[in-house]
Amino acid sequence: MPTRDTPFGAYNFLVEFDGNEASNSALGGFSDVSGLGAEITLMEYRQGNDRENRVRKIPALHKASDVTLKRGIMGLTNFWQWVSITRVDPTHKRNVSIALQDEVGNPIMKWRLINARPMKWTGPTLAAKGASDVAMEELVLASEGIEMEEV
């Protein structure tokens, strides 16, 4: 990746799902993707004959954070279909790719959620007073791992 004087904007990204029956597309445009992250649990260990009176920190299990996707409702039911499939088949998983793009649409960085499945779906808040609000739905994904790559 070439170096730049300014960081890339967070507003230009693409989300793709493996295993989408219709296409390998974004399942609609997303307004927000949040929660990308990884955590490594550390074990504490000290041998009885260590000279220093302190513990060592040894890497143990690692896990990916839950990722939240938000989009405006456009009549698509694919989020709900995925939730419904997962309720009856808990082994149903998909890989999800999230690509940060530059100003002309070229992918710069890509995050891949490994074996993702929905863990929470939230429908829109419906309120008659907010004529300028967009009806939004939210899907929280749990995954077994996360990878990051430079494109």
C-alpha atoms as a PDB file:
ATOM      1  CA  MET A   1       0.000   0.000   0.000  1.00  0.00           C
ATOM      2  CA  PRO A   2       1.444   3.402  -0.917  1.00  0.00           C
ATOM      3  CA  THR A   3       2.040   5.838   1.907  1.00  0.00           C
ATOM      4  CA  ARG A   4      -0.071   8.968   2.144  1.00  0.00           C
ATOM      5  CA  ASP A   5       0.067  12.276   3.963  1.00  0.00           C
ATOM      6  CA  THR A   6      -3.568  11.963   5.028  1.00  0.00           C
ATOM      7  CA  PRO A   7      -5.454   8.966   6.441  1.00  0.00           C
ATOM      8  CA  PHE A   8      -8.241   7.280   4.511  1.00  0.00           C
ATOM      9  CA  GLY A   9     -11.813   8.295   5.283  1.00  0.00           C
ATOM     10  CA  ALA A  10     -14.017   5.798   7.135  1.00  0.00           C
ATOM     11  CA  TYR A  11     -17.044   6.542   4.948  1.00  0.00           C
ATOM     12  CA  ASN A  12     -16.136   4.447   1.876  1.00  0.00           C
ATOM     13  CA  PHE A  13     -16.450   0.699   2.474  1.00  0.00           C
ATOM     14  CA  LEU A  14     -17.994  -2.460   1.071  1.00  0.00           C
ATOM     15  CA  VAL A  15     -19.410  -5.485   2.924  1.00  0.00           C
ATOM     16  CA  GLU A  16     -19.658  -8.877   1.182  1.00  0.00           C
ATOM     17  CA  PHE A  17     -21.043 -12.181   2.432  1.00  0.00           C
ATOM     18  CA  ASP A  18     -19.973 -15.652   1.283  1.00  0.00           C
ATOM     19  CA  GLY A  19     -22.827 -18.062   0.713  1.00  0.00           C
ATOM     20  CA  ASN A  20     -25.380 -15.476  -0.385  1.00  0.00           C
ATOM     21  CA  GLU A  21     -27.696 -17.388  -2.682  1.00  0.00           C
ATOM     22  CA  ALA A  22     -28.582 -14.414  -4.880  1.00  0.00           C
ATOM     23  CA  SER A  23     -25.041 -13.055  -5.353  1.00  0.00           C
ATOM     24  CA  ASN A  24     -21.872 -12.330  -3.473  1.00  0.00           C
ATOM     25  CA  SER A  25     -22.982  -8.739  -2.966  1.00  0.00           C
ATOM     26  CA  ALA A  26     -23.359  -6.374  -0.082  1.00  0.00           C
ATOM     27  CA  LEU A  27     -26.985  -7.390   0.665  1.00  0.00           C
ATOM     28  CA  GLY A  28     -27.861  -3.725   0.519  1.00  0.00           C
ATOM     29  CA  GLY A  29     -25.777  -0.699   1.401  1.00  0.00           C
ATOM     30  CA  PHE A  30     -24.581  -0.253   4.966  1.00  0.00           C
ATOM     31  CA  SER A  31     -24.366   3.016   6.858  1.00  0.00           C
ATOM     32  CA  ASP A  32     -22.249   1.679   9.738  1.00  0.00           C
ATOM     33  CA  VAL A  33     -19.902  -1.186  10.533  1.00  0.00           C
ATOM     34  CA  SER A  34     -18.598  -1.159  14.089  1.00  0.00           C
ATOM     35  CA  GLY A  35     -16.835  -3.461  16.516  1.00  0.00           C
ATOM     36  CA  LEU A  36     -13.982  -4.759  14.359  1.00  0.00           C
ATOM     37  CA  GLY A  37     -11.464  -6.064  16.855  1.00  0.00           C
ATOM     38  CA  ALA A  38      -9.515  -8.945  18.323  1.00  0.00           C
ATOM     39  CA  GLU A  39      -8.533  -9.860  21.861  1.00  0.00           C
ATOM     40  CA  ILE A  40      -5.795 -12.146  23.143  1.00  0.00           C
ATOM     41  CA  THR A  41      -6.223 -13.635  26.611  1.00  0.00           C
ATOM     42  CA  LEU A  42      -3.005 -13.881  28.612  1.00  0.00           C
ATOM     43  CA  MET A  43      -2.114 -16.569  31.129  1.00  0.00           C
ATOM     44  CA  GLU A  44       0.019 -15.745  34.130  1.00  0.00           C
ATOM     45  CA  TYR A  45       2.801 -18.172  34.949  1.00  0.00           C
ATOM     46  CA  ARG A  46       5.751 -18.194  37.316  1.00  0.00           C
ATOM     47  CA  GLN A  47       8.266 -20.940  37.923  1.00  0.00           C
ATOM     48  CA  GLY A  48       9.273 -21.562  41.513  1.00  0.00           C
ATOM     49  CA  ASN A  49      12.942 -20.961  40.767  1.00  0.00           C
ATOM     50  CA  ASP A  50      12.527 -17.675  38.818  1.00  0.00           C
ATOM     51  CA  ARG A  51      14.997 -15.065  40.096  1.00  0.00           C
ATOM     52  CA  GLU A  52      12.549 -12.179  39.769  1.00  0.00           C
ATOM     53  CA  ASN A  53       9.425 -12.106  41.887  1.00  0.00           C
ATOM     54  CA  ARG A  54       6.969 -11.558  39.033  1.00  0.00           C
ATOM     55  CA  VAL A  55       4.751 -13.550  36.685  1.00  0.00           C
ATOM     56  CA  ARG A  56       5.232 -14.039  32.981  1.00  0.00           C
ATOM     57  CA  LYS A  57       2.393 -13.167  30.612  1.00  0.00           C
ATOM     58  CA  ILE A  58       1.894 -15.941  28.060  1.00  0.00           C
ATOM     59  CA  PRO A  59      -0.513 -15.586  25.100  1.00  0.00           C
ATOM     60  CA  ALA A  60      -3.433 -18.023  25.282  1.00  0.00           C
ATOM     61  CA  LEU A  61      -6.812 -17.999  23.518  1.00  0.00           C
ATOM     62  CA  HIS A  62      -7.736 -15.267  21.086  1.00  0.00           C
ATOM     63  CA  LYS A  63     -11.181 -14.140  20.004  1.00  0.00           C
ATOM     64  CA  ALA A  64     -12.811 -11.750  17.585  1.00  0.00           C
ATOM     65  CA  SER A  65     -15.112  -8.993  18.805  1.00  0.00           C
ATOM     66  CA  ASP A  66     -18.778  -8.918  17.829  1.00  0.00           C
ATOM     67  CA  VAL A  67     -19.374  -6.771  14.741  1.00  0.00           C
ATOM     68  CA  THR A  68     -22.481  -4.631  14.231  1.00  0.00           C
ATOM     69  CA  LEU A  69     -23.850  -3.832  10.773  1.00  0.00           C
ATOM     70  CA  LYS A  70     -26.483  -1.125  10.253  1.00  0.00           C
ATOM     71  CA  ARG A  71     -28.429  -0.337   7.120  1.00  0.00           C
ATOM     72  CA  GLY A  72     -31.533   1.505   6.045  1.00  0.00           C
ATOM     73  CA  ILE A  73     -34.542  -0.695   5.390  1.00  0.00           C
ATOM     74  CA  MET A  74     -35.197  -1.103   1.668  1.00  0.00           C
ATOM     75  CA  GLY A  75     -37.540  -4.084   1.612  1.00  0.00           C
ATOM     76  CA  LEU A  76     -34.764  -6.690   1.790  1.00  0.00           C
ATOM     77  CA  THR A  77     -35.349  -9.625   4.142  1.00  0.00           C
ATOM     78  CA  ASN A  78     -31.966 -11.326   3.821  1.00  0.00           C
ATOM     79  CA  PHE A  79     -30.856 -10.363   7.360  1.00  0.00           C
ATOM     80  CA  TRP A  80     -34.005 -11.927   8.775  1.00  0.00           C
ATOM     81  CA  GLN A  81     -33.631 -14.991   6.544  1.00  0.00           C
ATOM     82  CA  TRP A  82     -30.100 -15.512   7.882  1.00  0.00           C
ATOM     83  CA  VAL A  83     -31.375 -15.201  11.477  1.00  0.00           C
ATOM     84  CA  SER A  84     -34.175 -17.689  10.727  1.00  0.00           C
ATOM     85  CA  ILE A  85     -31.783 -20.217   9.168  1.00  0.00           C
ATOM     86  CA  THR A  86     -29.417 -19.926  12.141  1.00  0.00           C
ATOM     87  CA  ARG A  87     -32.258 -20.552  14.603  1.00  0.00           C
ATOM     88  CA  VAL A  88     -32.991 -23.959  13.072  1.00  0.00           C
ATOM     89  CA  ASP A  89     -29.444 -24.791  11.901  1.00  0.00           C
ATOM     90  CA  PRO A  90     -26.855 -23.486  14.399  1.00  0.00           C
ATOM     91  CA  THR A  91     -24.032 -24.827  12.205  1.00  0.00           C
ATOM     92  CA  HIS A  92     -24.909 -22.384   9.377  1.00  0.00           C
ATOM     93  CA  LYS A  93     -21.991 -19.932   9.119  1.00  0.00           C
ATOM     94  CA  ARG A  94     -20.728 -17.447   6.567  1.00  0.00           C
ATOM     95  CA  ASN A  95     -17.511 -15.582   6.011  1.00  0.00           C
ATOM     96  CA  VAL A  96     -17.921 -11.806   5.823  1.00  0.00           C
ATOM     97  CA  SER A  97     -15.479  -9.429   4.129  1.00  0.00           C
ATOM     98  CA  ILE A  98     -15.322  -5.727   4.964  1.00  0.00           C
ATOM     99  CA  ALA A  99     -13.155  -3.642   2.643  1.00  0.00           C
ATOM    100  CA  LEU A 100     -12.062  -0.048   3.230  1.00  0.00           C
ATOM    101  CA  GLN A 101     -11.832   1.773  -0.104  1.00  0.00           C
ATOM    102  CA  ASP A 102      -9.963   4.844  -1.280  1.00  0.00           C
ATOM    103  CA  GLU A 103     -11.632   7.841  -2.885  1.00  0.00           C
ATOM    104  CA  VAL A 104     -11.975   6.156  -6.296  1.00  0.00           C
ATOM    105  CA  GLY A 105     -13.285   2.830  -4.950  1.00  0.00           C
ATOM    106  CA  ASN A 106     -10.089   0.751  -4.871  1.00  0.00           C
ATOM    107  CA  PRO A 107      -9.843  -1.578  -1.855  1.00  0.00           C
ATOM    108  CA  ILE A 108      -7.090  -0.557   0.585  1.00  0.00           C
ATOM    109  CA  MET A 109      -7.577  -2.787   3.638  1.00  0.00           C
ATOM    110  CA  LYS A 110      -9.773  -5.836   4.100  1.00  0.00           C
ATOM    111  CA  TRP A 111     -11.073  -7.507   7.253  1.00  0.00           C
ATOM    112  CA  ARG A 112     -12.513 -11.017   7.040  1.00  0.00           C
ATOM    113  CA  LEU A 113     -14.812 -12.443   9.693  1.00  0.00           C
ATOM    114  CA  ILE A 114     -14.354 -16.215   9.789  1.00  0.00           C
ATOM    115  CA  ASN A 115     -17.405 -18.430  10.397  1.00  0.00           C
ATOM    116  CA  ALA A 116     -19.732 -15.557  11.269  1.00  0.00           C
ATOM    117  CA  ARG A 117     -23.311 -16.055  12.378  1.00  0.00           C
ATOM    118  CA  PRO A 118     -25.987 -13.644  13.543  1.00  0.00           C
ATOM    119  CA  MET A 119     -26.445 -13.281  17.265  1.00  0.00           C
ATOM    120  CA  LYS A 120     -28.830 -10.321  17.379  1.00  0.00           C
ATOM    121  CA  TRP A 121     -31.166  -8.565  14.964  1.00  0.00           C
ATOM    122  CA  THR A 122     -32.837  -5.267  15.834  1.00  0.00           C
ATOM    123  CA  GLY A 123     -35.596  -3.770  13.733  1.00  0.00           C
ATOM    124  CA  PRO A 124     -36.263  -0.078  13.208  1.00  0.00           C
ATOM    125  CA  THR A 125     -37.610   2.365  15.743  1.00  0.00           C
ATOM    126  CA  LEU A 126     -40.919   3.506  14.291  1.00  0.00           C
ATOM    127  CA  ALA A 127     -42.001   6.981  15.397  1.00  0.00           C
ATOM    128  CA  ALA A 128     -44.600   9.173  13.673  1.00  0.00           C
ATOM    129  CA  LYS A 129     -42.924  12.416  14.793  1.00  0.00           C
ATOM    130  CA  GLY A 130     -39.618  11.930  12.958  1.00  0.00           C
ATOM    131  CA  ALA A 131     -40.441  12.629   9.315  1.00  0.00           C
ATOM    132  CA  SER A 132     -36.753  12.982   8.410  1.00  0.00           C
ATOM    133  CA  ASP A 133     -35.496   9.823  10.156  1.00  0.00           C
ATOM    134  CA  VAL A 134     -34.480   6.736   8.190  1.00  0.00           C
ATOM    135  CA  ALA A 135     -35.841   3.336   9.244  1.00  0.00           C
ATOM    136  CA  MET A 136     -32.723   1.347  10.204  1.00  0.00           C
ATOM    137  CA  GLU A 137     -32.111  -2.292  11.016  1.00  0.00           C
ATOM    138  CA  GLU A 138     -29.120  -3.707  12.835  1.00  0.00           C
ATOM    139  CA  LEU A 139     -27.425  -7.116  12.734  1.00  0.00           C
ATOM    140  CA  VAL A 140     -24.793  -8.164  15.289  1.00  0.00           C
ATOM    141  CA  LEU A 141     -22.453 -10.915  14.119  1.00  0.00           C
ATOM    142  CA  ALA A 142     -20.328 -13.239  16.221  1.00  0.00           C
ATOM    143  CA  SER A 143     -17.375 -14.846  14.461  1.00  0.00           C
ATOM    144  CA  GLU A 144     -14.779 -17.437  15.308  1.00  0.00           C
ATOM    145  CA  GLY A 145     -11.900 -15.321  14.049  1.00  0.00           C
ATOM    146  CA  ILE A 146     -10.843 -12.175  12.237  1.00  0.00           C
ATOM    147  CA  GLU A 147      -8.135 -11.635   9.651  1.00  0.00           C
ATOM    148  CA  MET A 148      -6.805  -8.339   8.313  1.00  0.00           C
ATOM    149  CA  GLU A 149      -4.950  -7.887   5.066  1.00  0.00           C
ATOM    150  CA  GLU A 150      -3.491  -5.120   2.955  1.00  0.00           C
ATOM    151  CA  VAL A 151      -4.948  -5.201  -0.535  1.00  0.00           C
END
